[in-house]
Protein backbone atom coordinates (compact mmCIF):
# COMPACT_ATOMS: atom_id res chain seq x y z
CA MET A 1 18.88 2.80 14.68
CA LYS A 2 20.49 3.31 11.28
CA ALA A 3 22.09 6.57 12.44
CA THR A 4 23.36 4.90 15.62
CA LEU A 5 25.05 2.15 13.61
CA LEU A 6 26.60 4.82 11.37
CA PHE A 7 27.95 6.66 14.46
CA ILE A 8 29.48 3.42 15.77
CA ALA A 9 31.01 2.52 12.40
CA MET A 10 32.51 6.00 12.01
CA PHE A 11 33.77 5.93 15.60
CA VAL A 12 35.56 2.63 14.97
CA ALA A 13 37.08 4.13 11.80
CA GLY A 14 38.15 7.25 13.73
CA LEU A 15 35.99 9.65 11.71
CA SER A 16 33.74 12.50 12.81
CA PHE A 17 30.23 12.95 11.49
CA SER A 18 28.21 16.00 10.52
CA GLN A 19 24.91 16.49 8.78
CA ASP A 20 22.71 19.46 8.06
CA SER A 21 19.18 19.90 9.43
CA THR A 22 17.67 18.12 6.41
CA GLY A 23 19.30 14.90 7.55
CA ILE A 24 21.12 14.62 4.24
CA ASP A 25 24.84 14.11 4.30
CA PRO A 26 26.37 17.33 2.87
CA GLY A 27 29.05 15.38 1.03
CA ASN A 28 30.74 12.03 0.91
CA SER A 29 32.16 10.57 4.11
CA THR A 30 35.70 11.70 3.32
CA GLN A 31 34.60 15.30 2.95
CA VAL A 32 32.43 15.11 6.08
CA ALA A 33 35.33 13.76 8.13
CA GLN A 34 37.50 16.66 7.02
CA GLN A 35 34.99 19.41 7.84
CA GLU A 36 35.94 21.80 10.60
CA THR A 37 34.00 21.12 13.78
CA VAL A 38 31.84 24.04 14.92
CA VAL A 39 31.57 22.82 18.53
CA LYS A 40 34.35 21.11 20.47
CA ILE A 41 34.10 19.41 23.83
CA TYR A 42 36.81 19.61 26.48
CA PRO A 43 38.52 18.30 28.54
CA ASN A 44 38.82 14.97 26.85
CA PRO A 45 39.34 12.61 28.68
CA VAL A 46 36.80 13.98 31.17
CA LYS A 47 36.22 13.24 34.82
CA ASP A 48 33.16 15.17 36.05
CA ARG A 49 32.07 17.89 33.63
CA ILE A 50 32.43 18.58 29.91
CA TYR A 51 32.49 22.05 28.44
CA PHE A 52 31.71 23.28 24.97
CA GLN A 53 33.80 25.60 22.83
CA THR A 54 31.81 27.19 20.02
CA LYS A 55 32.91 29.15 17.00
CA GLY A 56 30.94 32.25 16.17
CA GLU A 57 27.67 33.05 17.90
CA ASN A 58 26.49 31.14 20.95
CA ARG A 59 23.38 29.08 20.33
CA ASN A 60 21.20 26.61 22.13
CA PHE A 61 22.30 22.99 21.83
CA ALA A 62 20.67 19.60 22.29
CA VAL A 63 23.40 17.29 23.59
CA SER A 64 22.95 13.50 23.49
CA ILE A 65 25.51 11.08 24.89
CA HIS A 66 25.52 7.49 23.63
CA ASP A 67 27.60 4.54 24.79
CA VAL A 68 29.56 2.59 22.16
CA LEU A 69 26.61 0.23 21.70
CA GLY A 70 24.44 3.18 20.67
CA LYS A 71 22.32 3.34 23.82
CA LEU A 72 21.31 6.87 24.84
CA VAL A 73 22.72 7.41 28.34
CA LYS A 74 22.19 11.16 28.80
CA LYS A 75 20.38 13.95 27.00
CA GLU A 76 20.33 17.62 27.93
CA ASN A 77 19.35 20.91 26.30
CA LEU A 78 21.87 23.67 26.91
CA THR A 79 20.98 27.32 26.50
CA THR A 80 23.39 30.10 25.68
CA SER A 81 23.73 30.93 29.38
CA SER A 82 24.16 27.32 30.58
CA ILE A 83 26.79 26.42 27.97
CA ARG A 84 29.51 28.12 30.03
CA ASN A 85 28.62 25.90 33.03
CA GLY A 86 29.16 22.77 30.97
CA MET A 87 27.41 19.44 31.42
CA ASP A 88 27.71 17.09 34.39
CA VAL A 89 28.90 13.61 33.36
CA SER A 90 30.08 12.45 36.79
CA ASN A 91 27.38 9.76 36.92
CA LEU A 92 28.61 8.06 33.73
CA ARG A 93 30.76 4.96 34.02
CA ARG A 94 34.33 4.93 32.77
CA GLY A 95 34.51 4.27 29.05
CA VAL A 96 34.13 5.68 25.58
CA TYR A 97 31.04 7.64 24.53
CA LEU A 98 29.74 9.44 21.47
CA VAL A 99 28.56 12.99 22.11
CA GLN A 100 26.06 14.29 19.55
CA ILE A 101 25.60 18.06 19.52
CA ASP A 102 22.66 19.51 17.57
CA ASP A 103 22.14 23.25 17.24
CA GLY A 104 19.03 23.03 15.07
CA LYS A 105 20.98 23.74 11.89
CA SER A 106 23.54 20.96 12.00
CA SER A 107 24.54 17.97 14.06
CA HIS A 108 28.09 16.98 15.07
CA THR A 109 29.28 13.83 16.81
CA GLN A 110 32.53 13.55 18.76
CA LYS A 111 34.18 10.82 20.77
CA MET A 112 34.48 11.38 24.54
CA ILE A 113 36.54 9.34 26.97
CA LYS A 114 35.24 9.23 30.56
CA ASN A 115 37.80 8.54 33.33
């Protein structure tokens, strides 16, 4: 619950969030917001399917999508081969969501707009 509230607060402030696998913030919030994102989602805004652009090696990802109230609305594990097919979000209602991407080493959260 604490992490969900942090996601919402950072979303409202327009910041991104990253943490390492220990769950400890690797720096203060200003430094975290300025870190380069390892995984990006596109297109954004999205209609039916989101795709993932990764830097470096392809890995397996756990993707969780939360509404702005912090409720988990979709969770999916993507393997290296399924990453290129993206993730179906056609059943989500229009609105703003937080997409949390965890590769086992780090976790990144990005804002997604669903049309």
